[in-house]
PDB file of all heavy atoms in Angstrom:
ATOM      1  N   ASP A   1      -5.654   5.884  -9.716  1.00  0.00           N
ATOM      2  CA  ASP A   1      -6.402   4.939 -10.529  1.00  0.00           C
ATOM      3  C   ASP A   1      -5.878   4.962 -11.946  1.00  0.00           C
ATOM      4  O   ASP A   1      -5.235   5.897 -12.379  1.00  0.00           O
ATOM      5  CB  ASP A   1      -7.893   5.283 -10.525  1.00  0.00           C
ATOM      6  CG  ASP A   1      -8.181   6.564 -11.293  1.00  0.00           C
ATOM      7  OD1 ASP A   1      -8.132   7.648 -10.683  1.00  0.00           O
ATOM      8  OD2 ASP A   1      -8.442   6.479 -12.495  1.00  0.00           O
ATOM      9  N   GLY A   2      -6.163   3.896 -12.692  1.00  0.00           N
ATOM     10  CA  GLY A   2      -5.735   3.819 -14.075  1.00  0.00           C
ATOM     11  C   GLY A   2      -4.753   2.681 -14.266  1.00  0.00           C
ATOM     12  O   GLY A   2      -4.609   1.788 -13.434  1.00  0.00           O
ATOM     13  N   VAL A   3      -4.058   2.700 -15.415  1.00  0.00           N
ATOM     14  CA  VAL A   3      -3.088   1.662 -15.755  1.00  0.00           C
ATOM     15  C   VAL A   3      -1.757   1.988 -15.082  1.00  0.00           C
ATOM     16  O   VAL A   3      -1.235   3.097 -15.228  1.00  0.00           O
ATOM     17  CB  VAL A   3      -2.901   1.565 -17.278  1.00  0.00           C
ATOM     18  CG1 VAL A   3      -1.904   0.464 -17.617  1.00  0.00           C
ATOM     19  CG2 VAL A   3      -4.235   1.301 -17.973  1.00  0.00           C
ATOM     20  N   VAL A   4      -1.231   1.034 -14.347  1.00  0.00           N
ATOM     21  CA  VAL A   4       0.077   1.184 -13.721  1.00  0.00           C
ATOM     22  C   VAL A   4       0.949   0.030 -14.186  1.00  0.00           C
ATOM     23  O   VAL A   4       0.453  -1.036 -14.560  1.00  0.00           O
ATOM     24  CB  VAL A   4      -0.014   1.213 -12.179  1.00  0.00           C
ATOM     25  CG1 VAL A   4      -0.842   2.389 -11.714  1.00  0.00           C
ATOM     26  CG2 VAL A   4      -0.585  -0.097 -11.647  1.00  0.00           C
ATOM     27  N   GLY A   5       2.257   0.228 -14.162  1.00  0.00           N
ATOM     28  CA  GLY A   5       3.138  -0.840 -14.609  1.00  0.00           C
ATOM     29  C   GLY A   5       4.591  -0.456 -14.523  1.00  0.00           C
ATOM     30  O   GLY A   5       4.948   0.671 -14.159  1.00  0.00           O
ATOM     31  N   GLY A   6       5.442  -1.412 -14.892  1.00  0.00           N
ATOM     32  CA  GLY A   6       6.871  -1.184 -14.846  1.00  0.00           C
ATOM     33  C   GLY A   6       7.626  -2.454 -15.191  1.00  0.00           C
ATOM     34  O   GLY A   6       7.126  -3.307 -15.928  1.00  0.00           O
ATOM     35  N   VAL A   7       8.807  -2.589 -14.625  1.00  0.00           N
ATOM     36  CA  VAL A   7       9.682  -3.730 -14.901  1.00  0.00           C
ATOM     37  C   VAL A   7      10.054  -4.401 -13.580  1.00  0.00           C
ATOM     38  O   VAL A   7      10.470  -3.733 -12.632  1.00  0.00           O
ATOM     39  CB  VAL A   7      10.952  -3.283 -15.649  1.00  0.00           C
ATOM     40  CG1 VAL A   7      11.889  -4.463 -15.869  1.00  0.00           C
ATOM     41  CG2 VAL A   7      10.580  -2.636 -16.986  1.00  0.00           C
ATOM     42  N   ALA A   8       9.889  -5.734 -13.530  1.00  0.00           N
ATOM     43  CA  ALA A   8      10.203  -6.495 -12.326  1.00  0.00           C
ATOM     44  C   ALA A   8      11.571  -7.163 -12.472  1.00  0.00           C
ATOM     45  O   ALA A   8      11.988  -7.516 -13.575  1.00  0.00           O
ATOM     46  CB  ALA A   8       9.132  -7.557 -12.095  1.00  0.00           C
ATOM     47  N   PRO A   9      12.276  -7.367 -11.355  1.00  0.00           N
ATOM     48  CA  PRO A   9      13.639  -7.920 -11.424  1.00  0.00           C
ATOM     49  C   PRO A   9      13.648  -9.404 -11.760  1.00  0.00           C
ATOM     50  O   PRO A   9      12.630 -10.094 -11.665  1.00  0.00           O
ATOM     51  CB  PRO A   9      14.166  -7.675 -10.001  1.00  0.00           C
ATOM     52  CG  PRO A   9      12.950  -7.634  -9.146  1.00  0.00           C
ATOM     53  CD  PRO A   9      11.880  -6.994  -9.987  1.00  0.00           C
ATOM     54  N   PRO A  10      14.803  -9.929 -12.159  1.00  0.00           N
ATOM     55  CA  PRO A  10      14.918 -11.369 -12.430  1.00  0.00           C
ATOM     56  C   PRO A  10      14.466 -12.198 -11.230  1.00  0.00           C
ATOM     57  O   PRO A  10      14.698 -11.833 -10.077  1.00  0.00           O
ATOM     58  CB  PRO A  10      16.419 -11.550 -12.692  1.00  0.00           C
ATOM     59  CG  PRO A  10      16.876 -10.220 -13.203  1.00  0.00           C
ATOM     60  CD  PRO A  10      16.074  -9.209 -12.437  1.00  0.00           C
ATOM     61  N   GLY A  11      13.811 -13.316 -11.517  1.00  0.00           N
ATOM     62  CA  GLY A  11      13.324 -14.188 -10.453  1.00  0.00           C
ATOM     63  C   GLY A  11      11.912 -13.884 -10.013  1.00  0.00           C
ATOM     64  O   GLY A  11      11.343 -14.609  -9.186  1.00  0.00           O
ATOM     65  N   THR A  12      11.313 -12.833 -10.529  1.00  0.00           N
ATOM     66  CA  THR A  12       9.962 -12.453 -10.116  1.00  0.00           C
ATOM     67  C   THR A  12       8.932 -13.421 -10.683  1.00  0.00           C
ATOM     68  O   THR A  12       8.942 -13.744 -11.866  1.00  0.00           O
ATOM     69  CB  THR A  12       9.624 -11.029 -10.588  1.00  0.00           C
ATOM     70  OG1 THR A  12      10.531 -10.101  -9.988  1.00  0.00           O
ATOM     71  CG2 THR A  12       8.199 -10.662 -10.208  1.00  0.00           C
ATOM     72  N   THR A  13       8.047 -13.891  -9.810  1.00  0.00           N
ATOM     73  CA  THR A  13       6.910 -14.716 -10.254  1.00  0.00           C
ATOM     74  C   THR A  13       5.577 -14.076  -9.913  1.00  0.00           C
ATOM     75  O   THR A  13       4.526 -14.565 -10.343  1.00  0.00           O
ATOM     76  CB  THR A  13       6.954 -16.112  -9.604  1.00  0.00           C
ATOM     77  OG1 THR A  13       6.893 -15.970  -8.176  1.00  0.00           O
ATOM     78  CG2 THR A  13       8.230 -16.848  -9.999  1.00  0.00           C
ATOM     79  N   ARG A  14       5.618 -12.987  -9.127  1.00  0.00           N
ATOM     80  CA  ARG A  14       4.378 -12.322  -8.721  1.00  0.00           C
ATOM     81  C   ARG A  14       4.659 -10.870  -8.403  1.00  0.00           C
ATOM     82  O   ARG A  14       5.689 -10.561  -7.794  1.00  0.00           O
ATOM     83  CB  ARG A  14       3.789 -13.019  -7.494  1.00  0.00           C
ATOM     84  CG  ARG A  14       2.483 -12.420  -6.984  1.00  0.00           C
ATOM     85  CD  ARG A  14       2.111 -13.024  -5.639  1.00  0.00           C
ATOM     86  NE  ARG A  14       0.866 -12.499  -5.121  1.00  0.00           N
ATOM     87  CZ  ARG A  14       0.529 -12.425  -3.830  1.00  0.00           C
ATOM     88  NH1 ARG A  14       1.407 -12.846  -2.911  1.00  0.00           N
ATOM     89  NH2 ARG A  14      -0.631 -11.928  -3.459  1.00  0.00           N
ATOM     90  N   VAL A  15       3.763  -9.988  -8.820  1.00  0.00           N
ATOM     91  CA  VAL A  15       3.819  -8.574  -8.433  1.00  0.00           C
ATOM     92  C   VAL A  15       2.432  -8.175  -7.957  1.00  0.00           C
ATOM     93  O   VAL A  15       1.422  -8.467  -8.610  1.00  0.00           O
ATOM     94  CB  VAL A  15       4.252  -7.668  -9.602  1.00  0.00           C
ATOM     95  CG1 VAL A  15       4.087  -6.184  -9.227  1.00  0.00           C
ATOM     96  CG2 VAL A  15       5.693  -7.936  -9.994  1.00  0.00           C
ATOM     97  N   THR A  16       2.373  -7.534  -6.809  1.00  0.00           N
ATOM     98  CA  THR A  16       1.104  -7.021  -6.290  1.00  0.00           C
ATOM     99  C   THR A  16       1.155  -5.498  -6.251  1.00  0.00           C
ATOM    100  O   THR A  16       2.237  -4.891  -6.168  1.00  0.00           O
ATOM    101  CB  THR A  16       0.809  -7.548  -4.875  1.00  0.00           C
ATOM    102  OG1 THR A  16       1.834  -7.083  -3.978  1.00  0.00           O
ATOM    103  CG2 THR A  16       0.753  -9.062  -4.858  1.00  0.00           C
ATOM    104  N   VAL A  17      -0.033  -4.904  -6.317  1.00  0.00           N
ATOM    105  CA  VAL A  17      -0.169  -3.456  -6.173  1.00  0.00           C
ATOM    106  C   VAL A  17      -1.106  -3.216  -5.009  1.00  0.00           C
ATOM    107  O   VAL A  17      -2.259  -3.671  -5.011  1.00  0.00           O
ATOM    108  CB  VAL A  17      -0.728  -2.799  -7.450  1.00  0.00           C
ATOM    109  CG1 VAL A  17      -0.900  -1.303  -7.247  1.00  0.00           C
ATOM    110  CG2 VAL A  17       0.176  -3.073  -8.642  1.00  0.00           C
ATOM    111  N   THR A  18      -0.618  -2.539  -3.981  1.00  0.00           N
ATOM    112  CA  THR A  18      -1.409  -2.236  -2.792  1.00  0.00           C
ATOM    113  C   THR A  18      -1.867  -0.792  -2.843  1.00  0.00           C
ATOM    114  O   THR A  18      -1.059   0.121  -3.074  1.00  0.00           O
ATOM    115  CB  THR A  18      -0.591  -2.486  -1.513  1.00  0.00           C
ATOM    116  OG1 THR A  18      -0.090  -3.823  -1.528  1.00  0.00           O
ATOM    117  CG2 THR A  18      -1.433  -2.273  -0.271  1.00  0.00           C
ATOM    118  N   THR A  19      -3.165  -0.574  -2.612  1.00  0.00           N
ATOM    119  CA  THR A  19      -3.731   0.772  -2.670  1.00  0.00           C
ATOM    120  C   THR A  19      -3.734   1.405  -1.285  1.00  0.00           C
ATOM    121  O   THR A  19      -3.512   0.728  -0.275  1.00  0.00           O
ATOM    122  CB  THR A  19      -5.165   0.726  -3.215  1.00  0.00           C
ATOM    123  OG1 THR A  19      -6.003   0.040  -2.270  1.00  0.00           O
ATOM    124  CG2 THR A  19      -5.215  -0.010  -4.558  1.00  0.00           C
ATOM    125  N   PHE A  20      -4.033   2.700  -1.270  1.00  0.00           N
ATOM    126  CA  PHE A  20      -4.027   3.433  -0.002  1.00  0.00           C
ATOM    127  C   PHE A  20      -5.070   2.886   0.972  1.00  0.00           C
ATOM    128  O   PHE A  20      -4.930   3.014   2.189  1.00  0.00           O
ATOM    129  CB  PHE A  20      -4.303   4.920  -0.258  1.00  0.00           C
ATOM    130  CG  PHE A  20      -5.720   5.204  -0.652  1.00  0.00           C
ATOM    131  CD1 PHE A  20      -6.680   5.520   0.295  1.00  0.00           C
ATOM    132  CD2 PHE A  20      -6.112   5.122  -1.977  1.00  0.00           C
ATOM    133  CE1 PHE A  20      -7.985   5.763  -0.075  1.00  0.00           C
ATOM    134  CE2 PHE A  20      -7.405   5.360  -2.356  1.00  0.00           C
ATOM    135  CZ  PHE A  20      -8.359   5.676  -1.409  1.00  0.00           C
ATOM    136  N   ASP A  21      -6.146   2.269   0.448  1.00  0.00           N
ATOM    137  CA  ASP A  21      -7.217   1.783   1.310  1.00  0.00           C
ATOM    138  C   ASP A  21      -7.082   0.298   1.630  1.00  0.00           C
ATOM    139  O   ASP A  21      -8.016  -0.341   2.097  1.00  0.00           O
ATOM    140  CB  ASP A  21      -8.586   2.066   0.688  1.00  0.00           C
ATOM    141  CG  ASP A  21      -8.737   1.457  -0.700  1.00  0.00           C
ATOM    142  OD1 ASP A  21      -7.731   0.952  -1.230  1.00  0.00           O
ATOM    143  OD2 ASP A  21      -9.850   1.493  -1.261  1.00  0.00           O
ATOM    144  N   GLY A  22      -5.900  -0.282   1.344  1.00  0.00           N
ATOM    145  CA  GLY A  22      -5.629  -1.651   1.765  1.00  0.00           C
ATOM    146  C   GLY A  22      -5.962  -2.722   0.756  1.00  0.00           C
ATOM    147  O   GLY A  22      -5.774  -3.913   1.041  1.00  0.00           O
ATOM    148  N   ARG A  23      -6.431  -2.367  -0.437  1.00  0.00           N
ATOM    149  CA  ARG A  23      -6.694  -3.383  -1.458  1.00  0.00           C
ATOM    150  C   ARG A  23      -5.376  -3.904  -2.029  1.00  0.00           C
ATOM    151  O   ARG A  23      -4.432  -3.138  -2.210  1.00  0.00           O
ATOM    152  CB  ARG A  23      -7.540  -2.807  -2.592  1.00  0.00           C
ATOM    153  CG  ARG A  23      -8.972  -2.479  -2.200  1.00  0.00           C
ATOM    154  CD  ARG A  23      -9.668  -1.749  -3.355  1.00  0.00           C
ATOM    155  NE  ARG A  23      -9.054  -0.454  -3.607  1.00  0.00           N
ATOM    156  CZ  ARG A  23      -9.140   0.208  -4.760  1.00  0.00           C
ATOM    157  NH1 ARG A  23      -9.764  -0.343  -5.782  1.00  0.00           N
ATOM    158  NH2 ARG A  23      -8.579   1.401  -4.891  1.00  0.00           N
ATOM    159  N   THR A  24      -5.352  -5.199  -2.338  1.00  0.00           N
ATOM    160  CA  THR A  24      -4.182  -5.794  -2.981  1.00  0.00           C
ATOM    161  C   THR A  24      -4.607  -6.342  -4.337  1.00  0.00           C
ATOM    162  O   THR A  24      -5.491  -7.209  -4.417  1.00  0.00           O
ATOM    163  CB  THR A  24      -3.580  -6.912  -2.140  1.00  0.00           C
ATOM    164  OG1 THR A  24      -3.125  -6.369  -0.897  1.00  0.00           O
ATOM    165  CG2 THR A  24      -2.393  -7.546  -2.855  1.00  0.00           C
ATOM    166  N   LEU A  25      -4.002  -5.838  -5.387  1.00  0.00           N
ATOM    167  CA  LEU A  25      -4.323  -6.230  -6.749  1.00  0.00           C
ATOM    168  C   LEU A  25      -3.177  -7.037  -7.326  1.00  0.00           C
ATOM    169  O   LEU A  25      -2.005  -6.733  -7.100  1.00  0.00           O
ATOM    170  CB  LEU A  25      -4.558  -4.985  -7.616  1.00  0.00           C
ATOM    171  CG  LEU A  25      -5.559  -3.957  -7.076  1.00  0.00           C
ATOM    172  CD1 LEU A  25      -5.574  -2.729  -7.970  1.00  0.00           C
ATOM    173  CD2 LEU A  25      -6.941  -4.565  -6.966  1.00  0.00           C
TER     174      LEU A  25
END
């Protein structure tokens, strides 16, 4: 839990974060 982040490659229009319990953020 908490703030997560990073750098996405060229061409990216969407980034999702999937949790261990199946949630997609």
